[in-house]
Amino acid sequence: MIALARIEQILRVLNTDGLSERTLARLRRDFCDMHFTLCEDDDMGTARPVQSLPGCNIYLVDGRDHCLRITTDPAAATGVVLAAVEDGFDL
């Protein structure tokens, strides 16, 4: 489970620092109990993001049943995907 308050904290970091490998490292350090993945939004197929920022979509991952899948339910989430939606990010 990922509390909505934690998602808001992640959004604040992304709004302040932007999407980059450095931001990913900070998130992994500050939220060490969560798994973060960084990719291009094109890699996400038809999945729906739970939040969108300029240049970045945020997806939640449900890995509870040993098979990863994207979810929009924070109560089922075990990780976060940060997906760049435009070029120019430090990926």
N, C-alpha and C. Protein backbone atom coordinates (compact mmCIF):
# COMPACT_ATOMS: atom_id res chain seq x y z
N MET A 1 0.84 -1.19 0.00
CA MET A 1 0.00 0.00 0.00
C MET A 1 0.88 1.25 0.00
N ILE A 2 0.50 2.20 -0.81
CA ILE A 2 1.17 3.50 -0.82
C ILE A 2 0.13 4.55 -0.46
N ALA A 3 0.32 5.20 0.67
CA ALA A 3 -0.62 6.20 1.14
C ALA A 3 -0.65 7.39 0.18
N LEU A 4 -1.83 7.98 0.04
CA LEU A 4 -1.98 9.15 -0.83
C LEU A 4 -1.04 10.28 -0.41
N ALA A 5 -0.79 10.41 0.88
CA ALA A 5 0.12 11.45 1.37
C ALA A 5 1.53 11.23 0.84
N ARG A 6 1.95 9.98 0.69
CA ARG A 6 3.29 9.69 0.15
C ARG A 6 3.34 10.01 -1.33
N ILE A 7 2.26 9.75 -2.05
CA ILE A 7 2.21 10.11 -3.46
C ILE A 7 2.33 11.63 -3.61
N GLU A 8 1.66 12.36 -2.74
CA GLU A 8 1.77 13.83 -2.76
C GLU A 8 3.19 14.28 -2.47
N GLN A 9 3.89 13.61 -1.55
CA GLN A 9 5.28 13.95 -1.26
C GLN A 9 6.16 13.71 -2.49
N ILE A 10 5.93 12.62 -3.18
CA ILE A 10 6.68 12.31 -4.39
C ILE A 10 6.43 13.39 -5.45
N LEU A 11 5.18 13.79 -5.59
CA LEU A 11 4.83 14.84 -6.57
C LEU A 11 5.54 16.15 -6.23
N ARG A 12 5.64 16.48 -4.95
CA ARG A 12 6.33 17.71 -4.55
C ARG A 12 7.81 17.66 -4.94
N VAL A 13 8.44 16.51 -4.73
CA VAL A 13 9.84 16.36 -5.11
C VAL A 13 9.99 16.53 -6.62
N LEU A 14 9.13 15.88 -7.39
CA LEU A 14 9.19 15.98 -8.85
C LEU A 14 8.94 17.40 -9.33
N ASN A 15 8.00 18.09 -8.70
CA ASN A 15 7.72 19.49 -9.08
C ASN A 15 8.91 20.39 -8.79
N THR A 16 9.62 20.10 -7.71
CA THR A 16 10.77 20.92 -7.31
C THR A 16 12.02 20.59 -8.11
N ASP A 17 12.31 19.29 -8.24
CA ASP A 17 13.59 18.85 -8.82
C ASP A 17 13.51 18.43 -10.27
N GLY A 18 12.29 18.20 -10.79
CA GLY A 18 12.16 17.69 -12.15
C GLY A 18 12.46 16.20 -12.20
N LEU A 19 12.29 15.63 -13.37
CA LEU A 19 12.49 14.19 -13.56
C LEU A 19 13.89 13.95 -14.12
N SER A 20 14.70 13.23 -13.36
CA SER A 20 16.07 12.92 -13.78
C SER A 20 16.57 11.73 -12.97
N GLU A 21 17.73 11.23 -13.36
CA GLU A 21 18.37 10.15 -12.60
C GLU A 21 18.69 10.64 -11.18
N ARG A 22 19.07 11.90 -11.05
CA ARG A 22 19.38 12.46 -9.74
C ARG A 22 18.12 12.48 -8.84
N THR A 23 16.99 12.87 -9.43
CA THR A 23 15.74 12.86 -8.67
C THR A 23 15.36 11.44 -8.28
N LEU A 24 15.54 10.51 -9.20
CA LEU A 24 15.25 9.11 -8.90
C LEU A 24 16.10 8.63 -7.72
N ALA A 25 17.38 8.97 -7.71
CA ALA A 25 18.25 8.59 -6.61
C ALA A 25 17.76 9.20 -5.29
N ARG A 26 17.34 10.46 -5.34
CA ARG A 26 16.82 11.11 -4.13
C ARG A 26 15.56 10.41 -3.63
N LEU A 27 14.64 10.09 -4.55
CA LEU A 27 13.41 9.41 -4.15
C LEU A 27 13.72 8.04 -3.54
N ARG A 28 14.63 7.31 -4.14
CA ARG A 28 15.01 6.00 -3.60
C ARG A 28 15.62 6.13 -2.21
N ARG A 29 16.37 7.20 -1.99
CA ARG A 29 16.97 7.43 -0.68
C ARG A 29 15.92 7.87 0.34
N ASP A 30 15.06 8.82 -0.05
CA ASP A 30 14.09 9.38 0.88
C ASP A 30 12.92 8.45 1.16
N PHE A 31 12.60 7.57 0.20
CA PHE A 31 11.49 6.63 0.34
C PHE A 31 12.06 5.21 0.17
N CYS A 32 13.00 4.86 1.04
CA CYS A 32 13.76 3.61 0.86
C CYS A 32 12.90 2.35 0.98
N ASP A 33 11.70 2.47 1.48
CA ASP A 33 10.82 1.31 1.58
C ASP A 33 9.99 1.09 0.31
N MET A 34 10.17 1.95 -0.69
CA MET A 34 9.41 1.85 -1.93
C MET A 34 10.34 1.57 -3.10
N HIS A 35 9.79 0.94 -4.13
CA HIS A 35 10.56 0.67 -5.35
C HIS A 35 10.16 1.69 -6.41
N PHE A 36 11.16 2.30 -7.04
CA PHE A 36 10.94 3.28 -8.11
C PHE A 36 11.59 2.81 -9.40
N THR A 37 10.90 3.03 -10.51
CA THR A 37 11.41 2.73 -11.83
C THR A 37 11.25 3.98 -12.69
N LEU A 38 12.24 4.24 -13.53
CA LEU A 38 12.21 5.37 -14.45
C LEU A 38 12.23 4.85 -15.87
N CYS A 39 11.32 5.36 -16.71
CA CYS A 39 11.26 4.92 -18.11
C CYS A 39 10.63 6.02 -18.95
N GLU A 40 10.51 5.74 -20.24
CA GLU A 40 9.79 6.63 -21.15
C GLU A 40 8.30 6.27 -21.09
N ASP A 41 7.43 7.25 -21.22
CA ASP A 41 6.00 6.98 -21.15
C ASP A 41 5.53 6.06 -22.27
N ASP A 42 6.20 6.11 -23.41
CA ASP A 42 5.84 5.21 -24.52
C ASP A 42 5.93 3.74 -24.11
N ASP A 43 6.78 3.43 -23.13
CA ASP A 43 6.94 2.06 -22.66
C ASP A 43 5.75 1.57 -21.85
N MET A 44 4.86 2.46 -21.47
CA MET A 44 3.75 2.10 -20.57
C MET A 44 2.52 1.60 -21.32
N GLY A 45 2.54 1.61 -22.63
CA GLY A 45 1.41 1.09 -23.40
C GLY A 45 0.13 1.86 -23.11
N THR A 46 -0.93 1.13 -22.81
CA THR A 46 -2.24 1.74 -22.58
C THR A 46 -2.57 1.95 -21.11
N ALA A 47 -1.58 1.72 -20.24
CA ALA A 47 -1.82 1.91 -18.80
C ALA A 47 -2.19 3.35 -18.50
N ARG A 48 -3.00 3.53 -17.45
CA ARG A 48 -3.43 4.87 -17.03
C ARG A 48 -2.58 5.36 -15.87
N PRO A 49 -2.02 6.56 -15.98
CA PRO A 49 -1.26 7.11 -14.84
C PRO A 49 -2.21 7.53 -13.72
N VAL A 50 -1.69 7.51 -12.51
CA VAL A 50 -2.48 8.00 -11.37
C VAL A 50 -2.34 9.51 -11.20
N GLN A 51 -1.23 10.04 -11.70
CA GLN A 51 -0.99 11.48 -11.65
C GLN A 51 -0.16 11.86 -12.88
N SER A 52 -0.33 13.09 -13.29
CA SER A 52 0.47 13.62 -14.40
C SER A 52 1.02 14.98 -14.02
N LEU A 53 2.26 15.19 -14.39
CA LEU A 53 2.93 16.48 -14.23
C LEU A 53 3.44 16.87 -15.61
N PRO A 54 3.77 18.11 -15.82
CA PRO A 54 4.37 18.46 -17.11
C PRO A 54 5.63 17.61 -17.34
N GLY A 55 5.60 16.82 -18.40
CA GLY A 55 6.74 15.99 -18.75
C GLY A 55 6.86 14.66 -18.05
N CYS A 56 5.92 14.33 -17.17
CA CYS A 56 6.05 13.11 -16.38
C CYS A 56 4.69 12.55 -16.01
N ASN A 57 4.51 11.25 -16.21
CA ASN A 57 3.34 10.54 -15.71
C ASN A 57 3.78 9.60 -14.61
N ILE A 58 2.94 9.45 -13.60
CA ILE A 58 3.24 8.59 -12.46
C ILE A 58 2.27 7.42 -12.47
N TYR A 59 2.84 6.22 -12.47
CA TYR A 59 2.06 4.99 -12.45
C TYR A 59 2.36 4.23 -11.16
N LEU A 60 1.41 3.46 -10.71
CA LEU A 60 1.60 2.61 -9.54
C LEU A 60 1.72 1.17 -9.98
N VAL A 61 2.57 0.43 -9.28
CA VAL A 61 2.80 -0.98 -9.58
C VAL A 61 2.27 -1.82 -8.44
N ASP A 62 1.56 -2.88 -8.80
CA ASP A 62 1.07 -3.86 -7.83
C ASP A 62 1.90 -5.13 -8.03
N GLY A 63 2.70 -5.47 -7.05
CA GLY A 63 3.54 -6.66 -7.13
C GLY A 63 3.22 -7.67 -6.05
N ARG A 64 2.03 -7.62 -5.53
CA ARG A 64 1.67 -8.48 -4.40
C ARG A 64 1.59 -9.96 -4.75
N ASP A 65 1.23 -10.29 -5.96
CA ASP A 65 1.03 -11.70 -6.32
C ASP A 65 2.18 -12.25 -7.15
N HIS A 66 3.40 -11.74 -6.93
CA HIS A 66 4.61 -12.20 -7.62
C HIS A 66 4.57 -11.95 -9.12
N CYS A 67 3.61 -11.19 -9.58
CA CYS A 67 3.52 -10.83 -10.99
C CYS A 67 3.20 -9.33 -11.02
N LEU A 68 4.10 -8.54 -11.58
CA LEU A 68 3.91 -7.10 -11.58
C LEU A 68 2.83 -6.68 -12.57
N ARG A 69 2.02 -5.72 -12.15
CA ARG A 69 1.04 -5.13 -13.05
C ARG A 69 0.79 -3.70 -12.60
N ILE A 70 0.33 -2.87 -13.54
CA ILE A 70 0.03 -1.48 -13.24
C ILE A 70 -1.35 -1.41 -12.60
N THR A 71 -1.48 -0.56 -11.59
CA THR A 71 -2.75 -0.38 -10.90
C THR A 71 -2.99 1.12 -10.70
N THR A 72 -4.24 1.47 -10.53
CA THR A 72 -4.58 2.85 -10.15
C THR A 72 -5.02 2.90 -8.68
N ASP A 73 -4.91 1.79 -8.00
CA ASP A 73 -5.35 1.66 -6.61
C ASP A 73 -4.16 1.79 -5.66
N PRO A 74 -4.00 2.91 -4.97
CA PRO A 74 -2.89 3.06 -4.04
C PRO A 74 -2.86 1.98 -2.95
N ALA A 75 -4.01 1.44 -2.59
CA ALA A 75 -4.06 0.40 -1.57
C ALA A 75 -3.41 -0.90 -2.05
N ALA A 76 -3.32 -1.09 -3.36
CA ALA A 76 -2.72 -2.28 -3.93
C ALA A 76 -1.29 -2.05 -4.39
N ALA A 77 -0.82 -0.81 -4.34
CA ALA A 77 0.46 -0.44 -4.91
C ALA A 77 1.64 -0.86 -4.04
N THR A 78 2.69 -1.33 -4.70
CA THR A 78 3.93 -1.69 -4.02
C THR A 78 5.12 -0.93 -4.60
N GLY A 79 4.93 -0.18 -5.66
CA GLY A 79 6.01 0.57 -6.28
C GLY A 79 5.48 1.66 -7.19
N VAL A 80 6.41 2.47 -7.72
CA VAL A 80 6.06 3.63 -8.52
C VAL A 80 6.90 3.63 -9.81
N VAL A 81 6.25 3.94 -10.92
CA VAL A 81 6.95 4.15 -12.19
C VAL A 81 6.85 5.63 -12.53
N LEU A 82 7.99 6.24 -12.79
CA LEU A 82 8.06 7.62 -13.24
C LEU A 82 8.36 7.57 -14.72
N ALA A 83 7.43 8.04 -15.54
CA ALA A 83 7.55 7.90 -16.98
C ALA A 83 7.65 9.27 -17.65
N ALA A 84 8.76 9.50 -18.34
CA ALA A 84 8.99 10.76 -19.05
C ALA A 84 8.12 10.80 -20.29
N VAL A 85 7.38 11.90 -20.46
CA VAL A 85 6.47 12.02 -21.60
C VAL A 85 7.01 12.91 -22.70
N GLU A 86 8.20 13.47 -22.53
CA GLU A 86 8.78 14.28 -23.59
C GLU A 86 10.29 14.19 -23.50
N ASP A 87 10.94 14.49 -24.60
CA ASP A 87 12.40 14.47 -24.64
C ASP A 87 12.98 15.59 -23.78
N GLY A 88 14.24 15.48 -23.48
CA GLY A 88 14.92 16.53 -22.75
C GLY A 88 15.16 16.20 -21.30
N PHE A 89 14.73 15.04 -20.85
CA PHE A 89 15.00 14.64 -19.47
C PHE A 89 16.31 13.90 -19.41
N ASP A 90 16.93 13.96 -18.27
CA ASP A 90 18.22 13.32 -18.04
C ASP A 90 18.02 11.85 -17.69
N LEU A 91 17.60 11.05 -18.70
CA LEU A 91 17.36 9.64 -18.46
C LEU A 91 18.56 8.83 -18.86
